[in-house]
Amino acid sequence: MDKMKNNLTTTNQNAKLALIKSKSLLNITNGLLANRSSKELIESFENFRFSLNLGYSNSVSCITITHDGKYIVRASLHGTIKLCEISSGMELRTFKGHGSQIFSIATTPNGKYLASGGWGSTIKLWDISSGKELRTFDGHSDSVNSLAIAPNGKYIASGNGVPLTNGIIKLWDINSGEELLTFNAHKSGVSSIAITTDGNYILSSDDYFNREEDDVDYHDYADQYHDVADGIIRMWDINNGKLARSFFGHSRSVSSMAITPDGKYIVSGSWDKTIKLWNINSGEDVRTFEGHSRSVSSIAITPDGKYIISGSADKTIKLWNINSGKDVRTFEGHKSGVSSIAITPDGKYIVSGSYDGTIKLWEINSGKLLCSYAAYEDGEWLSWTPDGYYNCSNGAYQYFSFVDDSKDTLEAVPQNHPIYKAKKKEILLSDYIGGANPYAKNSPHTDMPEIDIDDDEIPF
């Protein structure tokens, strides 16, 4: 087994979901994900189960995808940010500096820099390629709940997120760190923020809630808190902070917003379980999308502007036709609320983060789950596919084991069991997803397969 563990050691040059020489994977058999406890996920494979230990610190608070579509950036409630390779799950880099919960991250349009904000009331700017902290933006008196980067990459807009205090929005010069503008936007903390595609306006919404139950877990908070926010989206002139327009329609807090690529419409997700499409010029509520059974936590729009992706506290992700309002597809697999979603730049794949501690990669066209990822605060990581193939760091074995489900009691499978024998797999996940590692020499590149979404296109 020691030899097998050594073979699991991969490099940036050949990092794949691999076990032997980065070209073989451990194949158990098909299985489904099941939840055993709040800190443990189990993947079932007929007589054997893949038992994975996950705790509160693994909870994924927010994610984004790098500009080239090859890497996931994930932030945790523990205060760390990690960069991992989509094709292998390998953790490449950890960004340390916040020391407390991180609530929002965003990348610059050129893909070189990452901004993050959280409980510590500061915003940090990072160099993605090196992991180096470049600058700290210090000025908020409360936690930074949401931030956005202007399309020209020159400015960061941020909003604080503490109930019972004024929702303050600040605008920063990304190069100098200078605070350019500060204004009171809401009577309570800012829950979501965005910048219009022309860079002229800031969009924001507020967040105000009280606990209804003392024993509510944070990761399942969305529908178990009493929310008394006004549900109004406000649009502000980025030059002077003056209110330009308000959007009325949601009955509870707006948790996430996105703007269509043409800049004409806003899409918002709310704790009222709905998604709304707004005309950005008139403020008109164009369409409401209903289907989630619990609050909507995250919103994204495909690059072609035809589809909305939504993540929810009901543990599902949905694909919507933006023109017809049709619920096209539901993605199921997370065992706790979905905290954040992102779409690859080519519009073919969804990456979702959850309070269950995992990140999942989905094919948009089929709804198929391709891979799951877990990362730990000590730098260990693990990735696995639904059909039993996995890859992990050498130290990750402390966090998972194989359990013989045929026994009356849970019993770890001994390391010399045939289950550990690897089988070669002709098509690797990295071949399917593709992408070269810019931090490695002679890294191969494989294009993603073409995917078409067949659905009626109805004009506005």
Foldseek 3Di string as FASTA:
>chain_A
DVVQLVQLDDDQQLQALAGHVSFFFQFQFFFAWDDDDLQWIWTDRVQKIKIFGHDQFLAWQEWEAFQQLFWIWTFTQQQKIWIAGPRHLATDDIQHDGRGGWAEKDAANVRQWMWTWFFVQKIWIAGVVVSDTDDIQHDGPGTWNEWEAANVRQKIWTWHAAFQQFIKIWIAGPPPSDTDDIDGDGRTTWQYWYAFNVRFKIKTFHWHWAAPDPPDDPQLPLQRIHFDGCQKIWIAGPNHRDTDDIADDDRGTWNYWDAAPVRQWIWTWFQSQKIFIAGPVPSDGDDIAHDGPGGWHEWDAFNVRQWIWIWFQSQKIFIAGPQPSDGDDIAHRGPGGWNYKYARNVRQWIWTGGSSSKIWIAGVQPSDTAKIKHADPVSWIKMAGSSGTIRINSPSVVRIFMFRNVDPDTDGDDPVDPSVDIDGDPDTSCLQPFDFDPVDPPRDTHDHDDHDHDDDDHHD
